[in-house]
Protein backbone atom coordinates (compact mmCIF):
# COMPACT_ATOMS: atom_id res chain seq x y z
CA UNK A 1 36.15 10.63 -26.32
CA UNK A 2 38.95 11.41 -23.88
CA UNK A 3 38.50 10.29 -20.29
CA UNK A 4 41.06 12.61 -18.71
CA UNK A 5 40.95 16.12 -20.13
CA UNK A 6 43.03 17.91 -17.53
CA UNK A 7 46.49 19.03 -18.63
CA UNK A 8 47.60 18.87 -15.00
CA UNK A 9 46.74 16.36 -12.33
CA UNK A 10 46.92 16.08 -8.55
CA UNK A 11 49.89 14.07 -7.35
CA UNK A 12 47.63 11.54 -5.61
CA UNK A 13 46.21 10.61 -9.01
CA UNK A 14 49.65 9.44 -10.13
CA UNK A 15 49.70 7.03 -7.18
CA UNK A 16 46.24 5.80 -8.17
CA UNK A 17 47.42 5.27 -11.74
CA UNK A 18 50.51 3.38 -10.51
CA UNK A 19 48.31 0.98 -8.55
CA UNK A 20 45.79 0.69 -11.37
CA UNK A 21 48.60 -0.14 -13.80
CA UNK A 22 49.68 -2.90 -11.42
CA UNK A 23 46.06 -4.11 -11.32
CA UNK A 24 46.15 -4.27 -15.12
CA UNK A 25 49.21 -6.52 -14.87
CA UNK A 26 52.00 -3.96 -15.25
CA UNK A 27 54.43 -4.38 -12.31
CA UNK A 28 55.43 -1.17 -10.53
CA UNK A 29 59.02 -2.11 -11.21
CA UNK A 30 58.33 -1.65 -14.94
CA UNK A 31 57.15 1.91 -14.31
CA UNK A 32 60.24 2.65 -12.22
CA UNK A 33 62.38 1.22 -15.00
CA UNK A 34 60.73 3.48 -17.57
CA UNK A 35 61.08 6.49 -15.27
CA UNK A 36 64.79 5.94 -14.71
CA UNK A 37 65.51 5.29 -18.36
CA UNK A 38 63.59 8.39 -19.49
CA UNK A 39 65.59 10.58 -17.09
CA UNK A 40 68.94 9.05 -18.07
CA UNK A 41 68.33 9.37 -21.82
CA UNK A 42 67.04 12.95 -21.48
CA UNK A 43 70.05 14.25 -19.57
CA UNK A 44 72.54 12.43 -21.82
CA UNK A 45 71.02 14.00 -24.92
CA UNK A 46 70.33 17.40 -23.42
CA UNK A 47 73.69 17.95 -21.71
CA UNK A 48 75.83 16.07 -24.22
CA UNK A 49 77.42 13.88 -21.57
CA UNK A 50 80.49 11.90 -22.55
CA UNK A 51 82.36 8.97 -21.04
CA UNK A 52 84.65 11.29 -19.03
CA UNK A 53 81.74 13.09 -17.41
CA UNK A 54 80.16 12.11 -14.10
CA UNK A 55 76.75 12.61 -12.54
CA UNK A 56 76.05 13.18 -8.83
CA UNK A 57 72.71 11.68 -7.80
CA UNK A 58 71.08 12.47 -4.43
CA UNK A 59 68.55 9.77 -3.50
CA UNK A 60 66.03 9.37 -0.72
CA UNK A 61 64.72 6.09 0.63
CA UNK A 62 61.35 6.22 -1.16
CA UNK A 63 60.35 5.52 -4.74
CA UNK A 64 61.80 8.84 -5.89
CA UNK A 65 65.16 7.53 -4.69
CA UNK A 66 64.41 4.25 -6.47
CA UNK A 67 64.04 6.22 -9.70
CA UNK A 68 67.47 7.70 -8.98
CA UNK A 69 69.00 4.23 -8.58
CA UNK A 70 67.61 3.25 -11.99
CA UNK A 71 69.01 6.46 -13.51
CA UNK A 72 72.49 5.51 -12.27
CA UNK A 73 72.13 2.03 -13.74
CA UNK A 74 71.11 3.32 -17.15
CA UNK A 75 73.85 5.93 -17.15
CA UNK A 76 76.24 3.03 -16.62
CA UNK A 77 74.87 1.32 -19.73
CA UNK A 78 75.82 4.44 -21.70
CA UNK A 79 79.33 4.35 -20.23
CA UNK A 80 78.76 7.29 -17.88
CA UNK A 81 79.88 7.02 -14.26
CA UNK A 82 77.93 8.37 -11.34
CA UNK A 83 78.10 8.80 -7.61
CA UNK A 84 74.91 7.93 -5.71
CA UNK A 85 74.38 9.64 -2.36
CA UNK A 86 71.81 7.74 -0.27
CA UNK A 87 70.33 10.04 2.37
CA UNK A 88 69.31 7.52 5.01
CA UNK A 89 70.09 3.94 5.91
CA UNK A 90 69.60 1.25 3.24
CA UNK A 91 67.29 -0.71 5.57
CA UNK A 92 64.90 2.26 5.43
CA UNK A 93 64.32 1.87 1.68
CA UNK A 94 60.57 1.53 1.55
CA UNK A 95 59.51 -0.41 -1.55
CA UNK A 96 60.53 -3.70 -3.11
CA UNK A 97 61.18 -1.99 -6.44
CA UNK A 98 63.53 0.60 -4.95
CA UNK A 99 65.31 -2.02 -2.82
CA UNK A 100 65.84 -4.27 -5.84
CA UNK A 101 67.58 -1.48 -7.74
CA UNK A 102 69.60 -0.44 -4.69
CA UNK A 103 70.93 -3.96 -4.32
CA UNK A 104 71.90 -4.01 -8.01
CA UNK A 105 73.87 -0.77 -7.95
CA UNK A 106 75.41 -1.21 -4.51
CA UNK A 107 76.46 -4.85 -4.85
CA UNK A 108 77.10 -5.39 -8.55
CA UNK A 109 77.83 -2.14 -10.38
CA UNK A 110 80.83 -1.21 -8.27
CA UNK A 111 83.00 0.00 -11.16
CA UNK A 112 80.66 2.50 -12.81
CA UNK A 113 78.68 3.61 -9.73
CA UNK A 114 80.19 4.88 -6.49
CA UNK A 115 77.99 4.69 -3.42
CA UNK A 116 78.00 6.88 -0.31
CA UNK A 117 75.47 6.50 2.50
CA UNK A 118 74.84 9.65 4.52
CA UNK A 119 73.01 9.69 7.83
CA UNK A 120 74.32 12.97 9.23
CA UNK A 121 74.12 16.52 7.93
CA UNK A 122 77.84 17.08 8.51
CA UNK A 123 78.61 14.37 5.94
CA UNK A 124 76.68 16.37 3.35
CA UNK A 125 78.87 19.41 3.86
CA UNK A 126 82.01 17.31 3.29
CA UNK A 127 80.81 16.59 -0.24
CA UNK A 128 82.04 20.05 -1.17
CA UNK A 129 85.62 18.80 -0.90
CA UNK A 130 84.81 16.02 -3.38
CA UNK A 131 83.55 18.48 -5.95
CA UNK A 132 86.56 20.74 -5.47
CA UNK A 133 88.86 17.79 -6.17
CA UNK A 134 86.92 16.22 -9.04
CA UNK A 135 85.74 18.61 -11.74
CA UNK A 136 84.17 15.91 -13.91
CA UNK A 137 80.77 16.13 -12.18
CA UNK A 138 78.64 17.87 -14.80
CA UNK A 139 75.08 17.27 -13.54
CA UNK A 140 73.40 16.98 -10.16
CA UNK A 141 70.22 14.91 -10.00
CA UNK A 142 67.72 15.46 -7.20
CA UNK A 143 65.83 12.21 -6.48
CA UNK A 144 65.29 12.72 -2.75
CA UNK A 145 61.62 13.53 -2.11
CA UNK A 146 58.64 12.78 -4.31
CA UNK A 147 55.04 13.93 -4.20
CA UNK A 148 54.29 13.14 -0.54
CA UNK A 149 56.06 16.13 1.01
CA UNK A 150 54.60 17.32 4.33
CA UNK A 151 55.86 19.89 6.81
CA UNK A 152 59.43 20.59 7.81
CA UNK A 153 62.21 18.78 5.93
CA UNK A 154 64.22 16.37 8.09
CA UNK A 155 67.96 15.89 8.17
CA UNK A 156 70.09 14.98 6.34
CA UNK A 157 67.84 15.91 3.39
CA UNK A 158 67.38 19.45 4.69
CA UNK A 159 71.12 20.14 4.52
CA UNK A 160 71.34 18.30 1.19
CA UNK A 161 68.78 20.71 -0.31
CA UNK A 162 70.84 23.69 0.90
CA UNK A 163 74.01 22.08 -0.47
CA UNK A 164 72.47 21.41 -3.90
CA UNK A 165 71.11 24.96 -4.15
CA UNK A 166 74.52 26.33 -3.21
CA UNK A 167 76.19 24.31 -5.97
CA UNK A 168 73.67 25.46 -8.52
CA UNK A 169 74.19 29.09 -7.59
CA UNK A 170 77.98 29.30 -7.16
CA UNK A 171 79.41 26.49 -9.27
CA UNK A 172 76.88 26.74 -12.11
CA UNK A 173 76.22 22.97 -12.15
CA UNK A 174 72.82 22.16 -13.72
CA UNK A 175 70.28 20.74 -11.25
CA UNK A 176 67.77 18.18 -12.57
CA UNK A 177 64.88 17.08 -10.34
CA UNK A 178 63.17 13.74 -10.81
CA UNK A 179 59.37 14.24 -11.03
CA UNK A 180 59.26 17.18 -8.55
CA UNK A 181 61.84 19.44 -6.87
CA UNK A 182 62.43 17.99 -3.41
CA UNK A 183 60.58 20.09 -0.84
CA UNK A 184 58.04 21.64 -3.21
CA UNK A 185 54.38 20.68 -2.85
CA UNK A 186 53.43 19.57 -6.38
CA UNK A 187 49.70 20.16 -5.84
CA UNK A 188 49.93 23.74 -4.55
CA UNK A 189 53.39 24.94 -5.60
CA UNK A 190 54.07 25.90 -1.98
CA UNK A 191 57.46 25.61 -0.30
CA UNK A 192 56.71 25.32 3.40
CA UNK A 193 60.33 24.87 4.51
CA UNK A 194 62.88 24.72 1.69
CA UNK A 195 63.15 23.17 -1.75
CA UNK A 196 65.65 22.36 -4.47
CA UNK A 197 65.97 25.10 -7.10
CA UNK A 198 65.86 23.09 -10.31
CA UNK A 199 67.05 24.07 -13.74
CA UNK A 200 65.03 21.20 -15.16
CA UNK A 201 62.18 19.07 -13.76
CA UNK A 202 61.42 15.81 -15.55
CA UNK A 203 57.83 15.21 -14.47
CA UNK A 204 56.28 11.79 -14.99
CA UNK A 205 53.10 11.01 -16.93
CA UNK A 206 51.62 14.51 -16.64
CA UNK A 207 52.58 17.74 -14.97
CA UNK A 208 51.39 18.16 -11.41
CA UNK A 209 48.69 20.70 -10.65
CA UNK A 210 50.82 23.12 -8.62
CA UNK A 211 54.03 23.01 -10.65
CA UNK A 212 54.76 26.08 -12.76
CA UNK A 213 57.87 27.52 -14.32
CA UNK A 214 58.60 30.34 -11.86
CA UNK A 215 62.29 31.06 -12.44
CA UNK A 216 63.14 30.39 -8.79
CA UNK A 217 62.37 26.76 -8.03
CA UNK A 218 61.59 25.60 -11.57
CA UNK A 219 63.17 26.98 -14.74
CA UNK A 220 61.87 24.30 -17.11
CA UNK A 221 59.48 21.34 -17.00
CA UNK A 222 59.57 18.39 -19.41
CA UNK A 223 56.91 15.65 -19.25
CA UNK A 224 58.16 12.08 -19.63
CA UNK A 225 56.07 8.97 -20.19
CA UNK A 226 56.73 6.06 -17.85
CA UNK A 227 54.42 3.53 -19.52
CA UNK A 228 51.13 4.22 -17.71
CA UNK A 229 48.45 3.21 -20.26
CA UNK A 230 45.18 5.05 -20.84
CA UNK A 231 43.37 2.04 -19.36
CA UNK A 232 44.86 2.81 -15.94
CA UNK A 233 42.80 5.97 -15.92
CA UNK A 234 39.77 4.59 -17.77
CA UNK A 235 39.17 1.41 -15.76
CA UNK A 236 38.53 1.43 -12.02
CA UNK A 237 41.26 -0.48 -10.19
CA UNK A 238 42.85 -1.16 -6.85
CA UNK A 239 44.38 2.31 -6.98
CA UNK A 240 40.94 3.91 -6.86
CA UNK A 241 39.80 1.74 -3.96
CA UNK A 242 42.74 1.96 -1.56
CA UNK A 243 42.54 5.71 -0.75
CA UNK A 244 38.82 5.38 0.04
CA UNK A 245 39.30 2.67 2.69
CA UNK A 246 39.44 5.05 5.63
CA UNK A 247 40.55 4.10 9.14
CA UNK A 248 39.09 5.05 12.49
CA UNK A 249 40.99 7.65 14.50
CA UNK A 250 42.05 6.80 18.05
CA UNK A 251 39.70 9.46 19.39
CA UNK A 252 36.63 8.34 17.41
CA UNK A 253 33.31 7.81 19.18
CA UNK A 254 30.31 5.78 18.09
CA UNK A 255 28.85 7.45 15.05
CA UNK A 256 32.03 9.17 13.89
CA UNK A 257 32.73 6.37 11.39
CA UNK A 258 29.55 6.49 9.39
CA UNK A 259 25.81 6.72 10.05
CA UNK A 260 23.69 5.22 7.28
CA UNK A 261 19.93 5.38 6.83
CA UNK A 262 18.16 2.95 4.48
CA UNK A 263 14.63 3.91 3.39
CA UNK A 264 12.67 1.28 1.49
CA UNK A 265 10.84 -2.01 1.59
CA UNK A 266 7.20 -2.90 1.08
CA UNK A 267 4.89 -5.86 1.69
CA UNK A 268 6.33 -7.44 -1.46
CA UNK A 269 10.02 -6.84 -0.84
CA UNK A 270 11.88 -7.32 2.43
CA UNK A 271 15.26 -8.56 1.21
CA UNK A 272 16.37 -5.46 -0.71
CA UNK A 273 16.57 -3.00 2.24
CA UNK A 274 18.06 -5.76 4.40
CA UNK A 275 20.90 -6.41 1.92
CA UNK A 276 21.70 -2.67 1.75
CA UNK A 277 21.84 -2.42 5.53
CA UNK A 278 23.83 -5.61 6.06
CA UNK A 279 26.39 -4.40 3.51
CA UNK A 280 26.87 -1.24 5.57
CA UNK A 281 27.13 -3.22 8.80
CA UNK A 282 29.68 -5.63 7.32
CA UNK A 283 31.63 -2.71 5.86
CA UNK A 284 32.16 -1.54 9.44
CA UNK A 285 29.94 1.53 9.69
CA UNK A 286 29.18 2.53 13.25
CA UNK A 287 25.41 2.79 12.92
CA UNK A 288 22.90 1.67 10.31
CA UNK A 289 19.17 2.31 10.67
CA UNK A 290 16.65 0.72 8.32
CA UNK A 291 13.26 2.41 7.91
CA UNK A 292 10.55 0.16 6.46
CA UNK A 293 6.77 -0.39 6.64
CA UNK A 294 5.75 -2.37 9.70
CA UNK A 295 4.55 -5.36 7.65
CA UNK A 296 8.18 -6.46 7.08
CA UNK A 297 9.89 -4.99 10.16
CA UNK A 298 10.18 -8.25 12.11
CA UNK A 299 11.47 -10.07 9.04
CA UNK A 300 14.34 -7.59 8.80
CA UNK A 301 15.09 -7.86 12.52
CA UNK A 302 15.41 -11.62 12.10
CA UNK A 303 18.33 -11.21 9.66
CA UNK A 304 20.76 -10.07 12.34
CA UNK A 305 20.83 -8.69 15.91
CA UNK A 306 22.93 -5.88 14.43
CA UNK A 307 19.95 -4.59 12.44
CA UNK A 308 18.35 -1.46 13.87
CA UNK A 309 14.89 -1.32 12.35
CA UNK A 310 12.43 1.56 12.57
CA UNK A 311 8.94 0.92 11.21
CA UNK A 312 5.89 2.90 10.14
CA UNK A 313 2.44 1.26 10.10
CA UNK A 314 1.27 -0.17 6.79
CA UNK A 315 2.25 -2.21 3.78
CA UNK A 316 3.97 0.66 1.93
CA UNK A 317 5.84 3.77 2.94
CA UNK A 318 3.59 6.78 2.47
CA UNK A 319 3.65 10.53 3.08
CA UNK A 320 2.45 9.88 6.63
CA UNK A 321 5.90 8.49 7.45
CA UNK A 322 7.65 11.77 6.65
CA UNK A 323 7.60 13.35 10.12
CA UNK A 324 9.35 10.37 11.66
CA UNK A 325 11.78 10.12 8.74
CA UNK A 326 12.70 13.80 8.94
CA UNK A 327 14.63 13.33 12.18
CA UNK A 328 16.44 10.24 10.86
CA UNK A 329 17.45 12.11 7.71
CA UNK A 330 18.97 14.86 9.86
CA UNK A 331 20.85 12.18 11.84
CA UNK A 332 22.37 10.27 8.91
CA UNK A 333 25.41 11.29 6.88
CA UNK A 334 24.59 8.92 4.01
CA UNK A 335 21.15 7.73 2.92
CA UNK A 336 19.83 5.06 0.55
CA UNK A 337 16.31 5.46 -0.73
CA UNK A 338 14.40 3.06 -2.94
CA UNK A 339 15.34 -0.61 -2.39
CA UNK A 340 12.15 -2.70 -2.35
CA UNK A 341 10.06 0.47 -2.02
CA UNK A 342 7.58 -0.43 -4.74
CA UNK A 343 5.89 2.02 -7.10
CA UNK A 344 2.78 2.92 -5.11
CA UNK A 345 1.45 6.46 -5.69
CA UNK A 346 1.73 7.25 -1.96
CA UNK A 347 5.38 6.18 -1.98
CA UNK A 348 6.03 8.59 -4.86
CA UNK A 349 4.55 11.45 -2.83
CA UNK A 350 6.85 10.57 0.06
CA UNK A 351 9.84 10.40 -2.28
CA UNK A 352 9.12 13.89 -3.64
CA UNK A 353 8.96 15.27 -0.10
CA UNK A 354 12.20 13.55 0.87
CA UNK A 355 14.04 14.71 -2.26
CA UNK A 356 12.94 18.26 -1.50
CA UNK A 357 14.44 17.98 1.98
CA UNK A 358 17.64 16.46 0.61
CA UNK A 359 17.98 19.46 -1.68
CA UNK A 360 17.33 21.95 1.12
CA UNK A 361 19.74 20.22 3.53
CA UNK A 362 22.43 19.30 0.98
CA UNK A 363 22.33 15.63 2.03
CA UNK A 364 24.39 12.82 0.47
CA UNK A 365 22.27 9.96 -0.80
CA UNK A 366 21.98 6.97 -3.12
CA UNK A 367 18.88 6.76 -5.32
CA UNK A 368 18.30 3.08 -6.01
CA UNK A 369 15.84 0.59 -7.49
CA UNK A 370 12.18 1.65 -7.33
CA UNK A 371 13.05 5.23 -6.35
CA UNK A 372 14.79 5.59 -9.72
CA UNK A 373 11.58 4.70 -11.56
CA UNK A 374 9.47 6.93 -9.30
CA UNK A 375 11.82 9.86 -10.07
CA UNK A 376 11.31 9.80 -13.84
CA UNK A 377 9.04 12.86 -13.66
CA UNK A 378 11.04 14.68 -10.99
CA UNK A 379 14.41 15.40 -12.58
CA UNK A 380 14.25 19.00 -11.36
CA UNK A 381 14.39 17.75 -7.76
CA UNK A 382 17.51 15.70 -8.49
CA UNK A 383 19.45 18.28 -10.49
CA UNK A 384 22.72 19.21 -8.79
CA UNK A 385 22.08 17.06 -5.73
CA UNK A 386 24.78 15.12 -3.83
CA UNK A 387 23.41 11.95 -5.32
CA UNK A 388 24.56 8.64 -6.78
CA UNK A 389 21.94 7.02 -9.00
CA UNK A 390 22.45 3.28 -9.53
CA UNK A 391 20.28 2.08 -12.43
CA UNK A 392 20.76 -0.90 -14.68
CA UNK A 393 20.19 -0.30 -18.37
CA UNK A 394 16.41 -0.87 -18.19
CA UNK A 395 15.92 1.41 -15.18
CA UNK A 396 17.99 4.10 -16.88
CA UNK A 397 15.69 3.97 -19.90
CA UNK A 398 12.59 4.29 -17.70
CA UNK A 399 14.17 7.14 -15.75
CA UNK A 400 15.56 9.15 -18.65
CA UNK A 401 14.43 7.67 -21.96
CA UNK A 402 18.10 7.18 -22.86
CA UNK A 403 18.98 3.99 -24.71
CA UNK A 404 22.59 2.89 -24.39
CA UNK A 405 24.85 1.16 -26.91
CA UNK A 406 26.15 -2.32 -26.00
CA UNK A 407 28.22 -2.54 -22.83
CA UNK A 408 31.45 -3.16 -24.75
CA UNK A 409 31.00 -0.16 -27.06
CA UNK A 410 33.12 1.79 -24.63
CA UNK A 411 33.44 5.16 -26.35
CA UNK A 412 29.81 5.63 -27.38
CA UNK A 413 28.29 4.17 -24.20
CA UNK A 414 30.57 6.22 -21.96
CA UNK A 415 29.70 9.38 -23.88
CA UNK A 416 25.96 8.87 -23.40
CA UNK A 417 26.36 8.18 -19.68
CA UNK A 418 28.63 11.19 -19.23
CA UNK A 419 26.25 13.49 -21.12
CA UNK A 420 23.31 12.44 -18.96
CA UNK A 421 25.33 12.85 -15.74
CA UNK A 422 26.36 16.32 -16.93
CA UNK A 423 22.78 17.24 -17.83
CA UNK A 424 21.53 16.21 -14.36
CA UNK A 425 24.68 17.41 -12.54
CA UNK A 426 24.96 14.29 -10.38
CA UNK A 427 26.79 10.96 -10.33
CA UNK A 428 25.54 8.02 -12.38
CA UNK A 429 26.56 4.41 -11.78
CA UNK A 430 25.04 2.39 -14.62
CA UNK A 431 25.22 -1.30 -13.73
CA UNK A 432 25.97 -4.03 -16.24
CA UNK A 433 28.69 -6.44 -17.41
CA UNK A 434 30.81 -3.28 -17.30
CA UNK A 435 29.70 -0.61 -14.83
CA UNK A 436 29.87 2.93 -16.22
CA UNK A 437 30.43 5.70 -13.65
CA UNK A 438 30.31 9.42 -14.44
CA UNK A 439 29.73 12.75 -12.73
CA UNK A 440 29.61 14.62 -16.04
CA UNK A 441 33.27 15.60 -15.79
CA UNK A 442 35.00 12.29 -15.16
CA UNK A 443 34.01 8.89 -16.49
CA UNK A 444 35.34 5.49 -15.44
CA UNK A 445 34.46 1.92 -16.23
CA UNK A 446 34.50 -0.97 -13.78
CA UNK A 447 35.20 -4.45 -15.12
CA UNK A 448 35.20 -6.49 -11.90
CA UNK A 449 32.38 -8.96 -11.44
CA UNK A 450 31.11 -12.14 -13.07
CA UNK A 451 27.92 -13.41 -14.77
CA UNK A 452 26.99 -15.31 -11.60
CA UNK A 453 26.20 -11.93 -10.00
CA UNK A 454 23.11 -11.49 -12.17
CA UNK A 455 20.91 -12.61 -9.27
CA UNK A 456 18.63 -10.80 -6.86
CA UNK A 457 20.31 -8.74 -4.15
CA UNK A 458 23.72 -7.98 -5.66
CA UNK A 459 22.54 -4.52 -6.74
CA UNK A 460 21.33 -3.88 -3.20
CA UNK A 461 24.77 -4.79 -1.87
CA UNK A 462 26.22 -2.30 -4.37
CA UNK A 463 23.90 0.46 -3.13
CA UNK A 464 24.91 -0.33 0.46
CA UNK A 465 28.58 -0.06 -0.47
CA UNK A 466 28.02 3.26 -2.27
CA UNK A 467 26.47 4.70 0.89
CA UNK A 468 29.19 3.13 3.06
CA UNK A 469 31.93 4.94 1.16
CA UNK A 470 29.93 8.18 1.31
CA UNK A 471 29.41 7.77 5.04
CA UNK A 472 33.17 7.42 5.59
CA UNK A 473 34.01 10.78 4.03
CA UNK A 474 34.58 10.03 0.35
CA UNK A 475 33.16 12.11 -2.46
CA UNK A 476 30.38 10.91 -4.73
CA UNK A 477 32.48 9.87 -7.71
CA UNK A 478 35.11 8.13 -5.57
CA UNK A 479 32.39 6.32 -3.64
CA UNK A 480 30.66 5.09 -6.78
CA UNK A 481 33.93 3.89 -8.32
CA UNK A 482 35.09 2.10 -5.17
CA UNK A 483 31.69 0.52 -4.54
CA UNK A 484 31.45 -0.84 -8.10
CA UNK A 485 34.99 -2.23 -7.96
CA UNK A 486 34.56 -3.80 -4.52
CA UNK A 487 31.13 -5.25 -5.27
CA UNK A 488 32.41 -6.94 -8.43
CA UNK A 489 35.55 -8.18 -6.72
CA UNK A 490 33.50 -9.74 -3.91
CA UNK A 491 31.49 -11.57 -6.57
CA UNK A 492 34.68 -12.88 -8.19
CA UNK A 493 35.97 -13.95 -4.76
CA UNK A 494 32.74 -15.82 -3.96
CA UNK A 495 32.81 -17.60 -7.31
CA UNK A 496 36.40 -18.70 -6.65
CA UNK A 497 35.75 -19.78 -3.05
CA UNK A 498 32.17 -21.08 -3.24
CA UNK A 499 31.61 -21.98 -6.86
CA UNK A 500 29.15 -20.55 -9.35
CA UNK A 501 26.11 -20.74 -7.06
CA UNK A 502 26.35 -18.04 -4.44
CA UNK A 503 23.94 -15.43 -3.10
CA UNK A 504 23.91 -11.79 -2.01
CA UNK A 505 24.19 -13.00 1.59
CA UNK A 506 27.34 -14.92 0.65
CA UNK A 507 28.77 -11.70 -0.75
CA UNK A 508 27.98 -9.80 2.43
CA UNK A 509 29.52 -12.52 4.60
CA UNK A 510 32.74 -12.39 2.57
CA UNK A 511 33.05 -8.60 2.40
CA UNK A 512 35.54 -8.44 5.27
CA UNK A 513 37.63 -11.29 3.83
CA UNK A 514 37.92 -9.43 0.52
CA UNK A 515 38.86 -6.14 2.21
CA UNK A 516 41.56 -7.93 4.20
CA UNK A 517 42.90 -9.56 1.05
CA UNK A 518 43.08 -6.25 -0.82
CA UNK A 519 44.66 -4.35 2.07
CA UNK A 520 47.18 -7.11 2.82
CA UNK A 521 48.30 -7.14 -0.80
């Protein structure tokens, strides 16, 4: 089966794939190298460039400019000279990969590549004199702005765009844009301010969702591979996690950064709802409320002074608890139901009532542990809900009757998970040595984790992380992918730091250390 069926993708997905490729061991510099080489070889072949011809390359200070530096270097290897125009100061070059290639072309390749740094719009206009004097410039390459375009274009790039468009119109010099025409939003096709009018766009990996041949800004699009493997899309990686790690705004108030409700627990199980809640607290959510039967309420309070525990009389949660729960459900923006809940008949009646309310109110929730088993006869209540279900293989079989192939039979196992997610129209996160995540349209596999995580409580931490990502404004599929990746990575971290004998509490205690490590890197 194919795991990415779209012909076009959003530009942010390319950034995710870049980071995931790096996670797989492919340095970003390799991707930049492939990008630059693919552009250089395409224009040499297409425009029949010879050793007397020159190429004018306009570069920004981001990775799009870095691609332009690599283009100049590869043109040099074919014996073709170029002039690189850097629009901005060299110290503003933003990535190590781009800076490495800038240093190569500006310090070492001084015979085949001429460099000019432009900080002022008036310097752009003076380039017209150069072209009047030297008629060997046959191609202009636009490598100024990539996929992150927002708002009004700043100088000197604004004037450079006007200059390039003028050359294309009046001097009939072909304009080639690297990945996207500078100034055009690749996701919508909009030009808010101004954009380069390209004769040819060499788009990397796949075409962007908003880019069409329109005759004005784009006359032709050619897709070029830059070495991103299928695994970068198939396996969850750092690229999936980073965009979901949201930050608080300066004007946030208590409750704006996530309100989680955990519903579960019984006289037999106090740890499961506690682990879910503590994961949310350690993640940094503003408020986490845990609703349990009174028999275990004080046990949960003893875990941490940060625990806010609401209790209903009894050994199990029953339908009588619904009126009190109703207000808490309205309050929360992400809910976990099921950890330690048990399979009592009264708990099933409560679950049915709660699922009905979730459906009516369009709530986001995680169905976990015992609630999965109790839902086996209530698929109609789950269909189309904003729900992540987190079963292991055995729970999935009880819930659906579906038996899965072995965890490493990737194609067949992924197909079964995706078909079930599609049938139920919700998000499945099937736990195992590899976690399989699907919403029926997209399917990903998480490989982080270690055998030492096959202990009590790690699945509860995972459920808490799923709800934490939901509570901080991520969609269901993103939340499930990020939670699976982070949960497994915390386990790997604990094994490295603490040895093979660690607990769910150890994982919770090290959550912040792992997040810092990932963000710092």
